[in-house]
Amino acid sequence: MNASLPFILISIFVIVIVAVLFFFVSKNRNENRLTPLAGLAFGFILAGILFGENRFLGYGLMGVGVIIALIDIIDGARRK
C-alpha cells in the first residue's frame, strides 16, 4: 500500500460528495445543469486521480479532462 493512497481516496470521496450535493441542490434550477461535456471532463479528471500511480497516464487523463472542460466553457460562452 502506497503512502499517497489515503490522500487519493480522501480526495475522490470529497469530489463525489461535492458532485452529489451539486446534483441535489441544483435539481430545481435549469440554468445550473451539468452539461454532457462537463460530466465527461469530470470523469476524465477522476480517472486521472485514480490512475495517478502511472504519471503519464494520470496526467494525460487529467489533461484531457481540462481540455474538455475548456471546450465546454467556450461552447457555453458562445451560446449566451
PDB file of N, CA and C in Angstrom:
ATOM      1  N   MET A   1       0.844  -1.173   0.000  1.00  0.00           N
ATOM      2  CA  MET A   1       0.000   0.000   0.000  1.00  0.00           C
ATOM      3  C   MET A   1       0.892   1.240   0.000  1.00  0.00           C
ATOM      4  N   ASN A   2       0.621   2.110  -0.928  1.00  0.00           N
ATOM      5  CA  ASN A   2       1.407   3.320  -1.087  1.00  0.00           C
ATOM      6  C   ASN A   2       0.977   4.366  -0.058  1.00  0.00           C
ATOM      7  N   ALA A   3       1.886   5.245   0.330  1.00  0.00           N
ATOM      8  CA  ALA A   3       1.579   6.267   1.334  1.00  0.00           C
ATOM      9  C   ALA A   3       0.608   7.313   0.808  1.00  0.00           C
ATOM     10  N   SER A   4       0.548   7.512  -0.492  1.00  0.00           N
ATOM     11  CA  SER A   4      -0.358   8.516  -1.051  1.00  0.00           C
ATOM     12  C   SER A   4      -1.767   7.979  -1.293  1.00  0.00           C
ATOM     13  N   LEU A   5      -1.979   6.696  -1.151  1.00  0.00           N
ATOM     14  CA  LEU A   5      -3.294   6.111  -1.396  1.00  0.00           C
ATOM     15  C   LEU A   5      -4.384   6.699  -0.502  1.00  0.00           C
ATOM     16  N   PRO A   6      -4.164   6.887   0.805  1.00  0.00           N
ATOM     17  CA  PRO A   6      -5.233   7.505   1.620  1.00  0.00           C
ATOM     18  C   PRO A   6      -5.604   8.909   1.144  1.00  0.00           C
ATOM     19  N   PHE A   7      -4.626   9.693   0.702  1.00  0.00           N
ATOM     20  CA  PHE A   7      -4.926  11.031   0.210  1.00  0.00           C
ATOM     21  C   PHE A   7      -5.731  10.977  -1.083  1.00  0.00           C
ATOM     22  N   ILE A   8      -5.423  10.038  -1.943  1.00  0.00           N
ATOM     23  CA  ILE A   8      -6.173   9.873  -3.182  1.00  0.00           C
ATOM     24  C   ILE A   8      -7.612   9.465  -2.870  1.00  0.00           C
ATOM     25  N   LEU A   9      -7.783   8.533  -1.966  1.00  0.00           N
ATOM     26  CA  LEU A   9      -9.131   8.091  -1.607  1.00  0.00           C
ATOM     27  C   LEU A   9      -9.934   9.215  -0.955  1.00  0.00           C
ATOM     28  N   ILE A  10      -9.295  10.002  -0.101  1.00  0.00           N
ATOM     29  CA  ILE A  10      -9.991  11.121   0.533  1.00  0.00           C
ATOM     30  C   ILE A  10     -10.396  12.157  -0.514  1.00  0.00           C
ATOM     31  N   SER A  11      -9.530  12.454  -1.461  1.00  0.00           N
ATOM     32  CA  SER A  11      -9.859  13.440  -2.490  1.00  0.00           C
ATOM     33  C   SER A  11     -10.992  12.950  -3.378  1.00  0.00           C
ATOM     34  N   ILE A  12     -10.998  11.679  -3.726  1.00  0.00           N
ATOM     35  CA  ILE A  12     -12.094  11.125  -4.521  1.00  0.00           C
ATOM     36  C   ILE A  12     -13.395  11.181  -3.734  1.00  0.00           C
ATOM     37  N   PHE A  13     -13.344  10.853  -2.450  1.00  0.00           N
ATOM     38  CA  PHE A  13     -14.525  10.895  -1.602  1.00  0.00           C
ATOM     39  C   PHE A  13     -15.096  12.313  -1.525  1.00  0.00           C
ATOM     40  N   VAL A  14     -14.238  13.302  -1.360  1.00  0.00           N
ATOM     41  CA  VAL A  14     -14.693  14.696  -1.290  1.00  0.00           C
ATOM     42  C   VAL A  14     -15.293  15.138  -2.618  1.00  0.00           C
ATOM     43  N   ILE A  15     -14.678  14.761  -3.726  1.00  0.00           N
ATOM     44  CA  ILE A  15     -15.209  15.131  -5.039  1.00  0.00           C
ATOM     45  C   ILE A  15     -16.567  14.492  -5.273  1.00  0.00           C
ATOM     46  N   VAL A  16     -16.741  13.261  -4.860  1.00  0.00           N
ATOM     47  CA  VAL A  16     -18.034  12.592  -5.021  1.00  0.00           C
ATOM     48  C   VAL A  16     -19.092  13.274  -4.162  1.00  0.00           C
ATOM     49  N   ILE A  17     -18.750  13.653  -2.938  1.00  0.00           N
ATOM     50  CA  ILE A  17     -19.711  14.342  -2.071  1.00  0.00           C
ATOM     51  C   ILE A  17     -20.120  15.677  -2.685  1.00  0.00           C
ATOM     52  N   VAL A  18     -19.159  16.429  -3.214  1.00  0.00           N
ATOM     53  CA  VAL A  18     -19.474  17.711  -3.852  1.00  0.00           C
ATOM     54  C   VAL A  18     -20.371  17.493  -5.066  1.00  0.00           C
ATOM     55  N   ALA A  19     -20.100  16.477  -5.862  1.00  0.00           N
ATOM     56  CA  ALA A  19     -20.916  16.193  -7.045  1.00  0.00           C
ATOM     57  C   ALA A  19     -22.343  15.815  -6.641  1.00  0.00           C
ATOM     58  N   VAL A  20     -22.484  14.989  -5.626  1.00  0.00           N
ATOM     59  CA  VAL A  20     -23.817  14.586  -5.159  1.00  0.00           C
ATOM     60  C   VAL A  20     -24.579  15.794  -4.628  1.00  0.00           C
ATOM     61  N   LEU A  21     -23.923  16.627  -3.844  1.00  0.00           N
ATOM     62  CA  LEU A  21     -24.576  17.837  -3.338  1.00  0.00           C
ATOM     63  C   LEU A  21     -24.961  18.768  -4.482  1.00  0.00           C
ATOM     64  N   PHE A  22     -24.107  18.867  -5.472  1.00  0.00           N
ATOM     65  CA  PHE A  22     -24.410  19.713  -6.620  1.00  0.00           C
ATOM     66  C   PHE A  22     -25.666  19.226  -7.340  1.00  0.00           C
ATOM     67  N   PHE A  23     -25.795  17.925  -7.520  1.00  0.00           N
ATOM     68  CA  PHE A  23     -26.961  17.395  -8.219  1.00  0.00           C
ATOM     69  C   PHE A  23     -28.235  17.577  -7.411  1.00  0.00           C
ATOM     70  N   PHE A  24     -28.181  17.402  -6.086  1.00  0.00           N
ATOM     71  CA  PHE A  24     -29.384  17.540  -5.268  1.00  0.00           C
ATOM     72  C   PHE A  24     -29.775  18.999  -5.055  1.00  0.00           C
ATOM     73  N   VAL A  25     -28.820  19.875  -4.894  1.00  0.00           N
ATOM     74  CA  VAL A  25     -29.133  21.281  -4.649  1.00  0.00           C
ATOM     75  C   VAL A  25     -29.633  21.955  -5.911  1.00  0.00           C
ATOM     76  N   SER A  26     -29.048  21.673  -7.037  1.00  0.00           N
ATOM     77  CA  SER A  26     -29.425  22.350  -8.277  1.00  0.00           C
ATOM     78  C   SER A  26     -30.463  21.583  -9.081  1.00  0.00           C
ATOM     79  N   LYS A  27     -31.204  20.712  -8.433  1.00  0.00           N
ATOM     80  CA  LYS A  27     -32.177  19.907  -9.156  1.00  0.00           C
ATOM     81  C   LYS A  27     -33.317  20.761  -9.723  1.00  0.00           C
ATOM     82  N   ASN A  28     -33.702  21.822  -9.025  1.00  0.00           N
ATOM     83  CA  ASN A  28     -34.815  22.652  -9.467  1.00  0.00           C
ATOM     84  C   ASN A  28     -34.395  23.764 -10.412  1.00  0.00           C
ATOM     85  N   ARG A  29     -33.128  24.012 -10.553  1.00  0.00           N
ATOM     86  CA  ARG A  29     -32.644  25.080 -11.424  1.00  0.00           C
ATOM     87  C   ARG A  29     -32.203  24.515 -12.761  1.00  0.00           C
ATOM     88  N   ASN A  30     -32.716  25.093 -13.818  1.00  0.00           N
ATOM     89  CA  ASN A  30     -32.331  24.634 -15.151  1.00  0.00           C
ATOM     90  C   ASN A  30     -31.029  25.260 -15.626  1.00  0.00           C
ATOM     91  N   GLU A  31     -30.690  26.456 -15.122  1.00  0.00           N
ATOM     92  CA  GLU A  31     -29.509  27.134 -15.622  1.00  0.00           C
ATOM     93  C   GLU A  31     -28.203  26.528 -15.122  1.00  0.00           C
ATOM     94  N   ASN A  32     -28.226  25.767 -14.042  1.00  0.00           N
ATOM     95  CA  ASN A  32     -27.002  25.197 -13.487  1.00  0.00           C
ATOM     96  C   ASN A  32     -26.871  23.696 -13.750  1.00  0.00           C
ATOM     97  N   ARG A  33     -27.490  23.229 -14.775  1.00  0.00           N
ATOM     98  CA  ARG A  33     -27.401  21.804 -15.085  1.00  0.00           C
ATOM     99  C   ARG A  33     -26.018  21.461 -15.625  1.00  0.00           C
ATOM    100  N   LEU A  34     -25.553  20.285 -15.278  1.00  0.00           N
ATOM    101  CA  LEU A  34     -24.258  19.807 -15.753  1.00  0.00           C
ATOM    102  C   LEU A  34     -24.407  19.334 -17.196  1.00  0.00           C
ATOM    103  N   THR A  35     -23.597  19.893 -18.077  1.00  0.00           N
ATOM    104  CA  THR A  35     -23.669  19.512 -19.487  1.00  0.00           C
ATOM    105  C   THR A  35     -22.969  18.163 -19.677  1.00  0.00           C
ATOM    106  N   PRO A  36     -23.282  17.470 -20.758  1.00  0.00           N
ATOM    107  CA  PRO A  36     -22.600  16.196 -21.008  1.00  0.00           C
ATOM    108  C   PRO A  36     -21.084  16.342 -21.138  1.00  0.00           C
ATOM    109  N   LEU A  37     -20.618  17.435 -21.726  1.00  0.00           N
ATOM    110  CA  LEU A  37     -19.168  17.642 -21.835  1.00  0.00           C
ATOM    111  C   LEU A  37     -18.537  17.866 -20.468  1.00  0.00           C
ATOM    112  N   ALA A  38     -19.222  18.587 -19.589  1.00  0.00           N
ATOM    113  CA  ALA A  38     -18.695  18.809 -18.243  1.00  0.00           C
ATOM    114  C   ALA A  38     -18.645  17.497 -17.465  1.00  0.00           C
ATOM    115  N   GLY A  39     -19.650  16.652 -17.644  1.00  0.00           N
ATOM    116  CA  GLY A  39     -19.646  15.345 -16.995  1.00  0.00           C
ATOM    117  C   GLY A  39     -18.517  14.466 -17.501  1.00  0.00           C
ATOM    118  N   LEU A  40     -18.267  14.539 -18.790  1.00  0.00           N
ATOM    119  CA  LEU A  40     -17.169  13.770 -19.375  1.00  0.00           C
ATOM    120  C   LEU A  40     -15.821  14.272 -18.854  1.00  0.00           C
ATOM    121  N   ALA A  41     -15.675  15.592 -18.750  1.00  0.00           N
ATOM    122  CA  ALA A  41     -14.445  16.168 -18.214  1.00  0.00           C
ATOM    123  C   ALA A  41     -14.245  15.746 -16.764  1.00  0.00           C
ATOM    124  N   PHE A  42     -15.317  15.766 -15.995  1.00  0.00           N
ATOM    125  CA  PHE A  42     -15.265  15.340 -14.595  1.00  0.00           C
ATOM    126  C   PHE A  42     -14.824  13.881 -14.501  1.00  0.00           C
ATOM    127  N   GLY A  43     -15.341  13.039 -15.374  1.00  0.00           N
ATOM    128  CA  GLY A  43     -14.958  11.628 -15.394  1.00  0.00           C
ATOM    129  C   GLY A  43     -13.492  11.431 -15.736  1.00  0.00           C
ATOM    130  N   PHE A  44     -12.985  12.189 -16.703  1.00  0.00           N
ATOM    131  CA  PHE A  44     -11.570  12.074 -17.061  1.00  0.00           C
ATOM    132  C   PHE A  44     -10.666  12.525 -15.921  1.00  0.00           C
ATOM    133  N   ILE A  45     -11.060  13.584 -15.226  1.00  0.00           N
ATOM    134  CA  ILE A  45     -10.247  14.059 -14.112  1.00  0.00           C
ATOM    135  C   ILE A  45     -10.252  13.036 -12.981  1.00  0.00           C
ATOM    136  N   LEU A  46     -11.406  12.447 -12.698  1.00  0.00           N
ATOM    137  CA  LEU A  46     -11.459  11.387 -11.682  1.00  0.00           C
ATOM    138  C   LEU A  46     -10.610  10.186 -12.084  1.00  0.00           C
ATOM    139  N   ALA A  47     -10.670   9.817 -13.353  1.00  0.00           N
ATOM    140  CA  ALA A  47      -9.841   8.703 -13.827  1.00  0.00           C
ATOM    141  C   ALA A  47      -8.360   9.039 -13.704  1.00  0.00           C
ATOM    142  N   GLY A  48      -8.003  10.297 -13.948  1.00  0.00           N
ATOM    143  CA  GLY A  48      -6.612  10.715 -13.790  1.00  0.00           C
ATOM    144  C   GLY A  48      -6.143  10.606 -12.356  1.00  0.00           C
ATOM    145  N   ILE A  49      -7.045  10.906 -11.414  1.00  0.00           N
ATOM    146  CA  ILE A  49      -6.708  10.749  -9.996  1.00  0.00           C
ATOM    147  C   ILE A  49      -6.564   9.274  -9.654  1.00  0.00           C
ATOM    148  N   LEU A  50      -7.460   8.459 -10.168  1.00  0.00           N
ATOM    149  CA  LEU A  50      -7.412   7.023  -9.870  1.00  0.00           C
ATOM    150  C   LEU A  50      -6.153   6.360 -10.421  1.00  0.00           C
ATOM    151  N   PHE A  51      -5.743   6.767 -11.614  1.00  0.00           N
ATOM    152  CA  PHE A  51      -4.570   6.173 -12.241  1.00  0.00           C
ATOM    153  C   PHE A  51      -3.333   7.048 -12.039  1.00  0.00           C
ATOM    154  N   GLY A  52      -3.248   7.719 -10.903  1.00  0.00           N
ATOM    155  CA  GLY A  52      -2.150   8.624 -10.613  1.00  0.00           C
ATOM    156  C   GLY A  52      -0.833   7.920 -10.365  1.00  0.00           C
ATOM    157  N   GLU A  53      -0.848   6.631 -10.134  1.00  0.00           N
ATOM    158  CA  GLU A  53       0.397   5.891  -9.919  1.00  0.00           C
ATOM    159  C   GLU A  53       1.282   5.936 -11.161  1.00  0.00           C
ATOM    160  N   ASN A  54       0.665   5.791 -12.305  1.00  0.00           N
ATOM    161  CA  ASN A  54       1.384   5.917 -13.574  1.00  0.00           C
ATOM    162  C   ASN A  54       1.279   7.380 -13.995  1.00  0.00           C
ATOM    163  N   ARG A  55       2.359   8.126 -13.861  1.00  0.00           N
ATOM    164  CA  ARG A  55       2.307   9.572 -14.086  1.00  0.00           C
ATOM    165  C   ARG A  55       1.850   9.929 -15.486  1.00  0.00           C
ATOM    166  N   PHE A  56       2.341   9.229 -16.480  1.00  0.00           N
ATOM    167  CA  PHE A  56       1.978   9.557 -17.861  1.00  0.00           C
ATOM    168  C   PHE A  56       0.476   9.391 -18.074  1.00  0.00           C
ATOM    169  N   LEU A  57      -0.077   8.291 -17.617  1.00  0.00           N
ATOM    170  CA  LEU A  57      -1.500   8.037 -17.786  1.00  0.00           C
ATOM    171  C   LEU A  57      -2.338   8.984 -16.934  1.00  0.00           C
ATOM    172  N   GLY A  58      -1.955   9.168 -15.676  1.00  0.00           N
ATOM    173  CA  GLY A  58      -2.723  10.031 -14.779  1.00  0.00           C
ATOM    174  C   GLY A  58      -2.770  11.472 -15.248  1.00  0.00           C
ATOM    175  N   TYR A  59      -1.600  12.030 -15.562  1.00  0.00           N
ATOM    176  CA  TYR A  59      -1.556  13.413 -16.035  1.00  0.00           C
ATOM    177  C   TYR A  59      -2.206  13.548 -17.409  1.00  0.00           C
ATOM    178  N   GLY A  60      -2.090  12.528 -18.219  1.00  0.00           N
ATOM    179  CA  GLY A  60      -2.728  12.565 -19.534  1.00  0.00           C
ATOM    180  C   GLY A  60      -4.240  12.623 -19.425  1.00  0.00           C
ATOM    181  N   LEU A  61      -4.803  11.790 -18.543  1.00  0.00           N
ATOM    182  CA  LEU A  61      -6.251  11.799 -18.361  1.00  0.00           C
ATOM    183  C   LEU A  61      -6.732  13.126 -17.756  1.00  0.00           C
ATOM    184  N   MET A  62      -5.969  13.657 -16.804  1.00  0.00           N
ATOM    185  CA  MET A  62      -6.340  14.955 -16.236  1.00  0.00           C
ATOM    186  C   MET A  62      -6.248  16.058 -17.286  1.00  0.00           C
ATOM    187  N   GLY A  63      -5.244  16.002 -18.125  1.00  0.00           N
ATOM    188  CA  GLY A  63      -5.115  16.990 -19.191  1.00  0.00           C
ATOM    189  C   GLY A  63      -6.266  16.934 -20.174  1.00  0.00           C
ATOM    190  N   VAL A  64      -6.679  15.732 -20.540  1.00  0.00           N
ATOM    191  CA  VAL A  64      -7.826  15.579 -21.434  1.00  0.00           C
ATOM    192  C   VAL A  64      -9.083  16.144 -20.769  1.00  0.00           C
ATOM    193  N   GLY A  65      -9.242  15.903 -19.471  1.00  0.00           N
ATOM    194  CA  GLY A  65     -10.391  16.434 -18.751  1.00  0.00           C
ATOM    195  C   GLY A  65     -10.403  17.947 -18.731  1.00  0.00           C
ATOM    196  N   VAL A  66      -9.241  18.560 -18.524  1.00  0.00           N
ATOM    197  CA  VAL A  66      -9.163  20.026 -18.517  1.00  0.00           C
ATOM    198  C   VAL A  66      -9.459  20.589 -19.904  1.00  0.00           C
ATOM    199  N   ILE A  67      -8.946  19.947 -20.937  1.00  0.00           N
ATOM    200  CA  ILE A  67      -9.210  20.411 -22.303  1.00  0.00           C
ATOM    201  C   ILE A  67     -10.696  20.314 -22.629  1.00  0.00           C
ATOM    202  N   ILE A  68     -11.337  19.223 -22.250  1.00  0.00           N
ATOM    203  CA  ILE A  68     -12.774  19.081 -22.493  1.00  0.00           C
ATOM    204  C   ILE A  68     -13.558  20.122 -21.696  1.00  0.00           C
ATOM    205  N   ALA A  69     -13.138  20.399 -20.464  1.00  0.00           N
ATOM    206  CA  ALA A  69     -13.806  21.428 -19.668  1.00  0.00           C
ATOM    207  C   ALA A  69     -13.671  22.800 -20.322  1.00  0.00           C
ATOM    208  N   LEU A  70     -12.493  23.109 -20.854  1.00  0.00           N
ATOM    209  CA  LEU A  70     -12.305  24.381 -21.550  1.00  0.00           C
ATOM    210  C   LEU A  70     -13.178  24.479 -22.796  1.00  0.00           C
ATOM    211  N   ILE A  71     -13.290  23.388 -23.534  1.00  0.00           N
ATOM    212  CA  ILE A  71     -14.166  23.365 -24.708  1.00  0.00           C
ATOM    213  C   ILE A  71     -15.609  23.623 -24.286  1.00  0.00           C
ATOM    214  N   ASP A  72     -16.030  23.027 -23.172  1.00  0.00           N
ATOM    215  CA  ASP A  72     -17.384  23.228 -22.664  1.00  0.00           C
ATOM    216  C   ASP A  72     -17.604  24.684 -22.250  1.00  0.00           C
ATOM    217  N   ILE A  73     -16.609  25.296 -21.619  1.00  0.00           N
ATOM    218  CA  ILE A  73     -16.718  26.694 -21.201  1.00  0.00           C
ATOM    219  C   ILE A  73     -16.836  27.612 -22.422  1.00  0.00           C
ATOM    220  N   ILE A  74     -16.003  27.372 -23.426  1.00  0.00           N
ATOM    221  CA  ILE A  74     -16.045  28.197 -24.641  1.00  0.00           C
ATOM    222  C   ILE A  74     -17.370  27.998 -25.362  1.00  0.00           C
ATOM    223  N   ASP A  75     -17.851  26.769 -25.434  1.00  0.00           N
ATOM    224  CA  ASP A  75     -19.129  26.477 -26.081  1.00  0.00           C
ATOM    225  C   ASP A  75     -20.280  27.155 -25.344  1.00  0.00           C
ATOM    226  N   GLY A  76     -20.235  27.150 -24.019  1.00  0.00           N
ATOM    227  CA  GLY A  76     -21.278  27.801 -23.232  1.00  0.00           C
ATOM    228  C   GLY A  76     -21.252  29.308 -23.381  1.00  0.00           C
ATOM    229  N   ALA A  77     -20.076  29.884 -23.531  1.00  0.00           N
ATOM    230  CA  ALA A  77     -19.969  31.325 -23.713  1.00  0.00           C
ATOM    231  C   ALA A  77     -20.500  31.749 -25.092  1.00  0.00           C
ATOM    232  N   ARG A  78     -20.323  30.917 -26.089  1.00  0.00           N
ATOM    233  CA  ARG A  78     -20.823  31.233 -27.431  1.00  0.00           C
ATOM    234  C   ARG A  78     -22.343  31.189 -27.486  1.00  0.00           C
ATOM    235  N   ARG A  79     -22.948  30.321 -26.707  1.00  0.00           N
ATOM    236  CA  ARG A  79     -24.409  30.202 -26.717  1.00  0.00           C
ATOM    237  C   ARG A  79     -25.090  31.412 -26.096  1.00  0.00           C
ATOM    238  N   LYS A  80     -24.435  32.033 -25.148  1.00  0.00           N
ATOM    239  CA  LYS A  80     -25.055  33.187 -24.468  1.00  0.00           C
ATOM    240  C   LYS A  80     -24.813  34.413 -25.217  1.00  0.00           C
TER     241      LYS A  80
END
